[in-house]
Amino acid sequence: MNIGIIGLGLIGGCLGLDFRSQAYKVLGVSRQQSTCDIAVEKGVVDESSTSLELLATADLIFICTPIHLLVPTLEKLTPYLKPQAIVTDVGSVKGAIVANCSRLWPNFVGGHPMAGKTEQGINAAQLGLFVNTPYLITPLESTPHFAVKILTEIVEKLGCQIYYSSPEEHDRAVAWISHLPVMISTSLIQACAKEQDLNIRQLAENLASSGFRDTSRVGGGNPELGLMMAKYNRQALLISLTNYRQNLDEIIDYIAGEKWQELEKILVSSNQYRDNFIQ
């Protein structure tokens, strides 16, 4: 089987390394020739090009571009595809993407590997990034069963934990555990930056350690990705943000009113419930 990858950044690069280590032939496409050259040099792909025509022999293609480029990329790709070729993506939003891509290509299967690193780009690619991480596959009722089956078999070889859901269920779920944290973390950083006393702000910067690093990490990540999360998953994100604001207002009320027992209940409950999310 020939596997194609469009977008040779971190995720595309990691996919390429993993698939080549399993003796698949990997064809890579990037907008920059320099990235193509690095991908071949690092052993991420067997062949690379800036032209989508390279993927005419690919059996399964992963589109690893930014969210807003997924649909336009598939539009340009379809003239080169074999009739039975399967196309998937790695985007963190599925509803609009899967609907539009499935209209363009019947053998499209939505996918979302939930793995990453702080570092970005082809030079950050590594073997084994997806081991023991969730990989969500989001077919429609009209998605061909053979396409879902083949994608599942290939993804299983990454060592990840596979889940299935509708695109809409995916977007609601990731709004809580991925998109909402980005916005909360962003607001935390902005609040700290707006401290008016420069001496206090400098002291806070000097004292910041693991707690601040952990809670601010995703807010200090790729701005383009955060914007695309908000733009393409707007409705689900607004629901989660509104719920979060209500909980924050409740905590403010408890502290302002010195309602320590109520605050303690929330802290105890959060301590216990967090284990359901962090395995």
C-alpha atoms as a PDB file:
ATOM      1  CA  MET A   1       0.000   0.000   0.000  1.00  0.00           C
ATOM      2  CA  ASN A   2       1.176   3.506  -0.853  1.00  0.00           C
ATOM      3  CA  ILE A   3       0.381   6.136   1.762  1.00  0.00           C
ATOM      4  CA  GLY A   4       0.234   9.821   0.887  1.00  0.00           C
ATOM      5  CA  ILE A   5       0.659  12.704   3.316  1.00  0.00           C
ATOM      6  CA  ILE A   6      -0.210  16.294   2.469  1.00  0.00           C
ATOM      7  CA  GLY A   7       1.290  18.751   4.920  1.00  0.00           C
ATOM      8  CA  LEU A   8       4.670  17.732   6.307  1.00  0.00           C
ATOM      9  CA  GLY A   9       4.546  19.469   9.670  1.00  0.00           C
ATOM     10  CA  LEU A  10       4.646  17.779  13.066  1.00  0.00           C
ATOM     11  CA  ILE A  11       1.675  15.422  12.622  1.00  0.00           C
ATOM     12  CA  GLY A  12       2.353  14.646   8.980  1.00  0.00           C
ATOM     13  CA  GLY A  13       6.014  14.106   9.755  1.00  0.00           C
ATOM     14  CA  CYS A  14       5.281  11.743  12.639  1.00  0.00           C
ATOM     15  CA  LEU A  15       2.841   9.754  10.505  1.00  0.00           C
ATOM     16  CA  GLY A  16       5.462   9.436   7.797  1.00  0.00           C
ATOM     17  CA  LEU A  17       8.138   8.174  10.177  1.00  0.00           C
ATOM     18  CA  ASP A  18       5.782   5.613  11.707  1.00  0.00           C
ATOM     19  CA  PHE A  19       4.472   4.295   8.394  1.00  0.00           C
ATOM     20  CA  ARG A  20       7.918   4.069   6.799  1.00  0.00           C
ATOM     21  CA  SER A  21       9.166   2.142   9.846  1.00  0.00           C
ATOM     22  CA  GLN A  22       6.485  -0.425   8.969  1.00  0.00           C
ATOM     23  CA  ALA A  23       7.712  -0.699   5.369  1.00  0.00           C
ATOM     24  CA  TYR A  24       4.918   1.305   3.746  1.00  0.00           C
ATOM     25  CA  LYS A  25       5.880   3.502   0.824  1.00  0.00           C
ATOM     26  CA  VAL A  26       5.163   7.092   1.865  1.00  0.00           C
ATOM     27  CA  LEU A  27       4.644   9.948  -0.580  1.00  0.00           C
ATOM     28  CA  GLY A  28       4.735  13.457   0.856  1.00  0.00           C
ATOM     29  CA  VAL A  29       3.496  16.801  -0.455  1.00  0.00           C
ATOM     30  CA  SER A  30       4.337  20.201   1.002  1.00  0.00           C
ATOM     31  CA  ARG A  31       3.946  23.756  -0.202  1.00  0.00           C
ATOM     32  CA  GLN A  32       7.649  24.446   0.401  1.00  0.00           C
ATOM     33  CA  GLN A  33      10.373  22.638  -1.538  1.00  0.00           C
ATOM     34  CA  SER A  34      12.705  23.087   1.438  1.00  0.00           C
ATOM     35  CA  THR A  35      10.279  21.084   3.600  1.00  0.00           C
ATOM     36  CA  CYS A  36      10.132  18.380   0.932  1.00  0.00           C
ATOM     37  CA  ASP A  37      13.917  18.152   0.957  1.00  0.00           C
ATOM     38  CA  ILE A  38      14.078  17.893   4.758  1.00  0.00           C
ATOM     39  CA  ALA A  39      11.369  15.210   4.767  1.00  0.00           C
ATOM     40  CA  VAL A  40      13.357  13.015   2.386  1.00  0.00           C
ATOM     41  CA  GLU A  41      16.629  13.688   4.216  1.00  0.00           C
ATOM     42  CA  LYS A  42      15.116  12.767   7.609  1.00  0.00           C
ATOM     43  CA  GLY A  43      13.497   9.618   6.241  1.00  0.00           C
ATOM     44  CA  VAL A  44       9.960  10.893   6.808  1.00  0.00           C
ATOM     45  CA  VAL A  45       8.942  10.052   3.216  1.00  0.00           C
ATOM     46  CA  ASP A  46      10.263   8.034   0.313  1.00  0.00           C
ATOM     47  CA  GLU A  47       9.403  10.695  -2.229  1.00  0.00           C
ATOM     48  CA  SER A  48       8.264  14.290  -1.856  1.00  0.00           C
ATOM     49  CA  SER A  49       6.980  17.061  -4.090  1.00  0.00           C
ATOM     50  CA  THR A  50       5.176  20.375  -4.076  1.00  0.00           C
ATOM     51  CA  SER A  51       2.730  18.906  -6.613  1.00  0.00           C
ATOM     52  CA  LEU A  52      -0.340  16.879  -5.620  1.00  0.00           C
ATOM     53  CA  GLU A  53       0.166  14.842  -8.784  1.00  0.00           C
ATOM     54  CA  LEU A  54       2.702  12.778  -6.824  1.00  0.00           C
ATOM     55  CA  LEU A  55      -0.231  11.158  -5.002  1.00  0.00           C
ATOM     56  CA  ALA A  56      -1.775   9.602  -8.138  1.00  0.00           C
ATOM     57  CA  THR A  57      -0.544   6.175  -6.980  1.00  0.00           C
ATOM     58  CA  ALA A  58      -1.535   6.588  -3.314  1.00  0.00           C
ATOM     59  CA  ASP A  59      -4.101   4.195  -1.791  1.00  0.00           C
ATOM     60  CA  LEU A  60      -4.643   6.123   1.455  1.00  0.00           C
ATOM     61  CA  ILE A  61      -3.996   9.839   1.871  1.00  0.00           C
ATOM     62  CA  PHE A  62      -3.773  11.852   5.099  1.00  0.00           C
ATOM     63  CA  ILE A  63      -4.428  15.587   4.718  1.00  0.00           C
ATOM     64  CA  CYS A  64      -2.452  17.243   7.515  1.00  0.00           C
ATOM     65  CA  THR A  65      -2.901  20.897   6.595  1.00  0.00           C
ATOM     66  CA  PRO A  66      -4.352  23.625   8.835  1.00  0.00           C
ATOM     67  CA  ILE A  67      -8.127  23.315   9.233  1.00  0.00           C
ATOM     68  CA  HIS A  68      -9.043  26.102   6.813  1.00  0.00           C
ATOM     69  CA  LEU A  69      -7.020  24.456   4.022  1.00  0.00           C
ATOM     70  CA  LEU A  70      -8.497  20.955   4.319  1.00  0.00           C
ATOM     71  CA  VAL A  71     -11.433  21.410   1.944  1.00  0.00           C
ATOM     72  CA  PRO A  72      -9.547  23.505  -0.653  1.00  0.00           C
ATOM     73  CA  THR A  73      -6.739  20.931  -0.617  1.00  0.00           C
ATOM     74  CA  LEU A  74      -9.143  18.064  -1.304  1.00  0.00           C
ATOM     75  CA  GLU A  75     -10.721  20.060  -4.140  1.00  0.00           C
ATOM     76  CA  LYS A  76      -7.308  20.307  -5.808  1.00  0.00           C
ATOM     77  CA  LEU A  77      -6.463  16.673  -5.031  1.00  0.00           C
ATOM     78  CA  THR A  78      -9.500  14.889  -6.490  1.00  0.00           C
ATOM     79  CA  PRO A  79      -8.384  15.029 -10.164  1.00  0.00           C
ATOM     80  CA  TYR A  80      -5.344  12.906  -9.280  1.00  0.00           C
ATOM     81  CA  LEU A  81      -7.027  10.283  -7.081  1.00  0.00           C
ATOM     82  CA  LYS A  82      -7.511   6.632  -7.995  1.00  0.00           C
ATOM     83  CA  PRO A  83     -11.222   5.644  -7.897  1.00  0.00           C
ATOM     84  CA  GLN A  84     -10.807   3.501  -4.757  1.00  0.00           C
ATOM     85  CA  ALA A  85      -8.393   5.832  -2.979  1.00  0.00           C
ATOM     86  CA  ILE A  86      -9.285   6.648   0.621  1.00  0.00           C
ATOM     87  CA  VAL A  87      -8.772  10.166   1.952  1.00  0.00           C
ATOM     88  CA  THR A  88      -8.738  11.170   5.607  1.00  0.00           C
ATOM     89  CA  ASP A  89      -7.720  14.224   7.611  1.00  0.00           C
ATOM     90  CA  VAL A  90      -6.240  14.988  11.036  1.00  0.00           C
ATOM     91  CA  GLY A  91      -8.180  18.164  11.841  1.00  0.00           C
ATOM     92  CA  SER A  92      -9.394  18.973  15.349  1.00  0.00           C
ATOM     93  CA  VAL A  93     -12.855  19.979  14.066  1.00  0.00           C
ATOM     94  CA  LYS A  94     -15.002  17.489  12.192  1.00  0.00           C
ATOM     95  CA  GLY A  95     -18.582  18.656  11.540  1.00  0.00           C
ATOM     96  CA  ALA A  96     -18.171  21.081   8.656  1.00  0.00           C
ATOM     97  CA  ILE A  97     -14.983  19.410   7.422  1.00  0.00           C
ATOM     98  CA  VAL A  98     -16.447  15.905   7.095  1.00  0.00           C
ATOM     99  CA  ALA A  99     -19.662  17.165   5.491  1.00  0.00           C
ATOM    100  CA  ASN A 100     -17.852  19.185   2.822  1.00  0.00           C
ATOM    101  CA  CYS A 101     -15.080  16.665   2.161  1.00  0.00           C
ATOM    102  CA  SER A 102     -17.516  13.754   1.857  1.00  0.00           C
ATOM    103  CA  ARG A 103     -19.361  15.647  -0.863  1.00  0.00           C
ATOM    104  CA  LEU A 104     -16.103  16.128  -2.719  1.00  0.00           C
ATOM    105  CA  TRP A 105     -14.895  12.533  -2.350  1.00  0.00           C
ATOM    106  CA  PRO A 106     -17.163   9.609  -1.342  1.00  0.00           C
ATOM    107  CA  ASN A 107     -14.275   7.636   0.186  1.00  0.00           C
ATOM    108  CA  PHE A 108     -13.467  10.374   2.692  1.00  0.00           C
ATOM    109  CA  VAL A 109     -13.258   9.376   6.378  1.00  0.00           C
ATOM    110  CA  GLY A 110     -12.832  12.018   9.072  1.00  0.00           C
ATOM    111  CA  GLY A 111     -10.092  11.424  11.619  1.00  0.00           C
ATOM    112  CA  HIS A 112      -8.453  13.162  14.564  1.00  0.00           C
ATOM    113  CA  PRO A 113      -5.251  11.872  16.197  1.00  0.00           C
ATOM    114  CA  MET A 114      -5.152  13.577  19.583  1.00  0.00           C
ATOM    115  CA  ALA A 115      -1.407  13.812  20.038  1.00  0.00           C
ATOM    116  CA  GLY A 116       1.064  16.634  19.774  1.00  0.00           C
ATOM    117  CA  LYS A 117       4.108  18.461  21.076  1.00  0.00           C
ATOM    118  CA  THR A 118       4.964  22.032  21.949  1.00  0.00           C
ATOM    119  CA  GLU A 119       7.457  22.066  19.072  1.00  0.00           C
ATOM    120  CA  GLN A 120       6.031  22.309  15.568  1.00  0.00           C
ATOM    121  CA  GLY A 121       7.244  21.552  12.056  1.00  0.00           C
ATOM    122  CA  ILE A 122       9.008  18.756  10.230  1.00  0.00           C
ATOM    123  CA  ASN A 123      12.113  18.983  12.420  1.00  0.00           C
ATOM    124  CA  ALA A 124      10.038  18.104  15.498  1.00  0.00           C
ATOM    125  CA  ALA A 125       8.766  14.858  13.950  1.00  0.00           C
ATOM    126  CA  GLN A 126       9.494  11.682  15.905  1.00  0.00           C
ATOM    127  CA  LEU A 127       8.683   7.998  15.930  1.00  0.00           C
ATOM    128  CA  GLY A 128       5.943   6.780  18.264  1.00  0.00           C
ATOM    129  CA  LEU A 129       4.134  10.056  18.941  1.00  0.00           C
ATOM    130  CA  PHE A 130       0.726   8.354  18.655  1.00  0.00           C
ATOM    131  CA  VAL A 131       1.391   5.379  20.951  1.00  0.00           C
ATOM    132  CA  ASN A 132      -1.349   5.083  23.620  1.00  0.00           C
ATOM    133  CA  THR A 133      -3.028   8.316  22.491  1.00  0.00           C
ATOM    134  CA  PRO A 134      -6.670   8.608  21.336  1.00  0.00           C
ATOM    135  CA  TYR A 135      -7.418   8.515  17.623  1.00  0.00           C
ATOM    136  CA  LEU A 136     -11.031   9.364  16.799  1.00  0.00           C
ATOM    137  CA  ILE A 137     -12.585   8.201  13.509  1.00  0.00           C
ATOM    138  CA  THR A 138     -15.775  10.034  12.520  1.00  0.00           C
ATOM    139  CA  PRO A 139     -17.592   8.376   9.593  1.00  0.00           C
ATOM    140  CA  LEU A 140     -20.993   9.396   8.281  1.00  0.00           C
ATOM    141  CA  GLU A 141     -23.747   6.840   7.645  1.00  0.00           C
ATOM    142  CA  SER A 142     -22.929   7.194   3.943  1.00  0.00           C
ATOM    143  CA  THR A 143     -19.201   6.552   4.415  1.00  0.00           C
ATOM    144  CA  PRO A 144     -18.184   3.289   2.673  1.00  0.00           C
ATOM    145  CA  HIS A 145     -17.496   0.517   5.199  1.00  0.00           C
ATOM    146  CA  PHE A 146     -14.371  -0.604   3.344  1.00  0.00           C
ATOM    147  CA  ALA A 147     -12.865   2.878   3.764  1.00  0.00           C
ATOM    148  CA  VAL A 148     -13.482   2.887   7.525  1.00  0.00           C
ATOM    149  CA  LYS A 149     -12.130  -0.658   7.827  1.00  0.00           C
ATOM    150  CA  ILE A 150      -8.893   0.065   5.967  1.00  0.00           C
ATOM    151  CA  LEU A 151      -8.281   3.333   7.816  1.00  0.00           C
ATOM    152  CA  THR A 152      -8.846   1.532  11.119  1.00  0.00           C
ATOM    153  CA  GLU A 153      -6.388  -1.229  10.231  1.00  0.00           C
ATOM    154  CA  ILE A 154      -3.696   1.281   9.277  1.00  0.00           C
ATOM    155  CA  VAL A 155      -4.244   3.557  12.269  1.00  0.00           C
ATOM    156  CA  GLU A 156      -4.108   0.592  14.663  1.00  0.00           C
ATOM    157  CA  LYS A 157      -0.480   0.115  13.615  1.00  0.00           C
ATOM    158  CA  LEU A 158       0.347   3.508  15.145  1.00  0.00           C
ATOM    159  CA  GLY A 159      -0.303   1.995  18.577  1.00  0.00           C
ATOM    160  CA  CYS A 160      -3.086   4.444  19.401  1.00  0.00           C
ATOM    161  CA  GLN A 161      -6.473   3.891  21.050  1.00  0.00           C
ATOM    162  CA  ILE A 162      -9.207   4.082  18.422  1.00  0.00           C
ATOM    163  CA  TYR A 163     -12.633   5.572  19.112  1.00  0.00           C
ATOM    164  CA  TYR A 164     -15.616   6.171  16.815  1.00  0.00           C
ATOM    165  CA  SER A 165     -18.224   8.906  16.906  1.00  0.00           C
ATOM    166  CA  SER A 166     -20.274  11.120  14.630  1.00  0.00           C
ATOM    167  CA  PRO A 167     -18.587  14.378  13.573  1.00  0.00           C
ATOM    168  CA  GLU A 168     -21.031  16.340  15.741  1.00  0.00           C
ATOM    169  CA  GLU A 169     -20.340  14.241  18.837  1.00  0.00           C
ATOM    170  CA  HIS A 170     -16.633  14.699  18.263  1.00  0.00           C
ATOM    171  CA  ASP A 171     -16.946  18.484  18.118  1.00  0.00           C
ATOM    172  CA  ARG A 172     -19.002  18.656  21.314  1.00  0.00           C
ATOM    173  CA  ALA A 173     -16.555  16.435  23.188  1.00  0.00           C
ATOM    174  CA  VAL A 174     -13.348  18.168  22.077  1.00  0.00           C
ATOM    175  CA  ALA A 175     -14.895  21.565  22.820  1.00  0.00           C
ATOM    176  CA  TRP A 176     -14.717  20.584  26.500  1.00  0.00           C
ATOM    177  CA  ILE A 177     -11.298  18.975  26.723  1.00  0.00           C
ATOM    178  CA  SER A 178      -9.328  20.669  23.947  1.00  0.00           C
ATOM    179  CA  HIS A 179     -10.836  23.896  22.637  1.00  0.00           C
ATOM    180  CA  LEU A 180     -12.145  25.287  25.944  1.00  0.00           C
ATOM    181  CA  PRO A 181      -8.751  24.784  27.679  1.00  0.00           C
ATOM    182  CA  VAL A 182      -7.046  26.775  24.929  1.00  0.00           C
ATOM    183  CA  MET A 183      -9.370  29.736  25.503  1.00  0.00           C
ATOM    184  CA  ILE A 184      -9.131  29.471  29.318  1.00  0.00           C
ATOM    185  CA  SER A 185      -5.349  29.276  29.139  1.00  0.00           C
ATOM    186  CA  THR A 186      -5.277  32.255  26.783  1.00  0.00           C
ATOM    187  CA  SER A 187      -7.409  34.322  29.154  1.00  0.00           C
ATOM    188  CA  LEU A 188      -5.105  33.374  32.059  1.00  0.00           C
ATOM    189  CA  ILE A 189      -2.061  34.659  30.187  1.00  0.00           C
ATOM    190  CA  GLN A 190      -3.873  37.858  29.192  1.00  0.00           C
ATOM    191  CA  ALA A 191      -5.019  38.490  32.773  1.00  0.00           C
ATOM    192  CA  CYS A 192      -1.459  38.118  34.092  1.00  0.00           C
ATOM    193  CA  ALA A 193      -0.104  40.400  31.377  1.00  0.00           C
ATOM    194  CA  LYS A 194      -2.539  43.150  32.409  1.00  0.00           C
ATOM    195  CA  GLU A 195      -1.173  43.521  35.948  1.00  0.00           C
ATOM    196  CA  GLN A 196      -0.629  47.286  36.171  1.00  0.00           C
ATOM    197  CA  ASP A 197       2.106  47.275  38.817  1.00  0.00           C
ATOM    198  CA  LEU A 198       5.266  46.504  36.836  1.00  0.00           C
ATOM    199  CA  ASN A 199       7.151  45.364  39.946  1.00  0.00           C
ATOM    200  CA  ILE A 200       4.425  42.846  40.789  1.00  0.00           C
ATOM    201  CA  ARG A 201       4.252  41.612  37.230  1.00  0.00           C
ATOM    202  CA  GLN A 202       8.042  41.161  37.081  1.00  0.00           C
ATOM    203  CA  LEU A 203       8.006  39.294  40.387  1.00  0.00           C
ATOM    204  CA  ALA A 204       5.191  37.039  39.140  1.00  0.00           C
ATOM    205  CA  GLU A 205       7.177  36.303  35.973  1.00  0.00           C
ATOM    206  CA  ASN A 206      10.230  35.397  38.065  1.00  0.00           C
ATOM    207  CA  LEU A 207       8.227  33.126  40.361  1.00  0.00           C
ATOM    208  CA  ALA A 208       6.224  31.323  37.669  1.00  0.00           C
ATOM    209  CA  SER A 209       6.954  27.604  37.818  1.00  0.00           C
ATOM    210  CA  SER A 210       5.326  24.261  36.981  1.00  0.00           C
ATOM    211  CA  GLY A 211       1.782  25.264  37.955  1.00  0.00           C
ATOM    212  CA  PHE A 212       1.733  28.267  35.650  1.00  0.00           C
ATOM    213  CA  ARG A 213       3.629  26.381  32.954  1.00  0.00           C
ATOM    214  CA  ASP A 214       1.050  23.573  32.936  1.00  0.00           C
ATOM    215  CA  THR A 215      -2.017  25.805  32.940  1.00  0.00           C
ATOM    216  CA  SER A 216      -0.669  28.263  30.361  1.00  0.00           C
ATOM    217  CA  ARG A 217       0.890  25.806  27.892  1.00  0.00           C
ATOM    218  CA  VAL A 218      -1.991  25.441  25.432  1.00  0.00           C
ATOM    219  CA  GLY A 219      -2.773  29.161  25.541  1.00  0.00           C
ATOM    220  CA  GLY A 220       0.773  29.873  24.449  1.00  0.00           C
ATOM    221  CA  GLY A 221       0.568  27.472  21.521  1.00  0.00           C
ATOM    222  CA  ASN A 222      -0.070  27.961  17.813  1.00  0.00           C
ATOM    223  CA  PRO A 223      -2.311  31.081  17.431  1.00  0.00           C
ATOM    224  CA  GLU A 224      -3.589  29.949  14.021  1.00  0.00           C
ATOM    225  CA  LEU A 225      -4.784  26.637  15.470  1.00  0.00           C
ATOM    226  CA  GLY A 226      -6.597  28.371  18.326  1.00  0.00           C
ATOM    227  CA  LEU A 227      -8.337  30.715  15.903  1.00  0.00           C
ATOM    228  CA  MET A 228      -9.418  27.824  13.668  1.00  0.00           C
ATOM    229  CA  MET A 229     -10.808  25.944  16.696  1.00  0.00           C
ATOM    230  CA  ALA A 230     -12.980  28.937  17.547  1.00  0.00           C
ATOM    231  CA  LYS A 231     -14.035  29.635  13.961  1.00  0.00           C
ATOM    232  CA  TYR A 232     -14.909  26.067  12.929  1.00  0.00           C
ATOM    233  CA  ASN A 233     -16.286  24.803  16.255  1.00  0.00           C
ATOM    234  CA  ARG A 234     -17.944  28.053  17.282  1.00  0.00           C
ATOM    235  CA  GLN A 235     -21.281  26.739  18.557  1.00  0.00           C
ATOM    236  CA  ALA A 236     -19.915  23.936  20.740  1.00  0.00           C
ATOM    237  CA  LEU A 237     -17.136  26.172  22.057  1.00  0.00           C
ATOM    238  CA  LEU A 238     -19.590  28.919  23.017  1.00  0.00           C
ATOM    239  CA  ILE A 239     -21.662  26.395  24.995  1.00  0.00           C
ATOM    240  CA  SER A 240     -18.603  25.202  26.905  1.00  0.00           C
ATOM    241  CA  LEU A 241     -17.346  28.762  27.491  1.00  0.00           C
ATOM    242  CA  THR A 242     -20.735  29.844  28.832  1.00  0.00           C
ATOM    243  CA  ASN A 243     -20.836  26.881  31.200  1.00  0.00           C
ATOM    244  CA  TYR A 244     -17.284  27.612  32.327  1.00  0.00           C
ATOM    245  CA  ARG A 245     -18.144  31.258  32.987  1.00  0.00           C
ATOM    246  CA  GLN A 246     -21.076  30.180  35.150  1.00  0.00           C
ATOM    247  CA  ASN A 247     -18.803  27.936  37.202  1.00  0.00           C
ATOM    248  CA  LEU A 248     -16.212  30.698  37.523  1.00  0.00           C
ATOM    249  CA  ASP A 249     -18.893  33.160  38.681  1.00  0.00           C
ATOM    250  CA  GLU A 250     -19.961  30.600  41.284  1.00  0.00           C
ATOM    251  CA  ILE A 251     -16.422  30.325  42.629  1.00  0.00           C
ATOM    252  CA  ILE A 252     -16.093  34.126  42.716  1.00  0.00           C
ATOM    253  CA  ASP A 253     -19.342  34.283  44.686  1.00  0.00           C
ATOM    254  CA  TYR A 254     -18.130  31.683  47.200  1.00  0.00           C
ATOM    255  CA  ILE A 255     -14.838  33.484  47.795  1.00  0.00           C
ATOM    256  CA  ALA A 256     -16.407  36.960  47.982  1.00  0.00           C
ATOM    257  CA  GLY A 257     -19.047  35.700  50.401  1.00  0.00           C
ATOM    258  CA  GLU A 258     -16.542  33.624  52.410  1.00  0.00           C
ATOM    259  CA  LYS A 259     -18.571  30.494  51.732  1.00  0.00           C
ATOM    260  CA  TRP A 260     -15.683  28.187  52.486  1.00  0.00           C
ATOM    261  CA  GLN A 261     -17.673  24.985  52.826  1.00  0.00           C
ATOM    262  CA  GLU A 262     -19.207  25.412  49.390  1.00  0.00           C
ATOM    263  CA  LEU A 263     -15.795  26.168  47.901  1.00  0.00           C
ATOM    264  CA  GLU A 264     -14.309  23.121  49.596  1.00  0.00           C
ATOM    265  CA  LYS A 265     -17.004  20.893  48.092  1.00  0.00           C
ATOM    266  CA  ILE A 266     -16.096  22.100  44.604  1.00  0.00           C
ATOM    267  CA  LEU A 267     -12.376  21.576  45.216  1.00  0.00           C
ATOM    268  CA  VAL A 268     -12.933  18.058  46.573  1.00  0.00           C
ATOM    269  CA  SER A 269     -15.271  17.176  43.723  1.00  0.00           C
ATOM    270  CA  SER A 270     -12.791  18.469  41.139  1.00  0.00           C
ATOM    271  CA  ASN A 271      -9.972  16.520  42.740  1.00  0.00           C
ATOM    272  CA  GLN A 272     -11.985  13.319  42.407  1.00  0.00           C
ATOM    273  CA  TYR A 273     -13.550  13.953  38.987  1.00  0.00           C
ATOM    274  CA  ARG A 274     -10.260  14.872  37.291  1.00  0.00           C
ATOM    275  CA  ASP A 275      -9.235  11.209  37.396  1.00  0.00           C
ATOM    276  CA  ASN A 276     -12.007  10.440  34.879  1.00  0.00           C
ATOM    277  CA  PHE A 277     -10.181  12.580  32.315  1.00  0.00           C
ATOM    278  CA  ILE A 278      -6.530  11.949  33.198  1.00  0.00           C
ATOM    279  CA  GLN A 279      -5.669   8.276  32.903  1.00  0.00           C
END
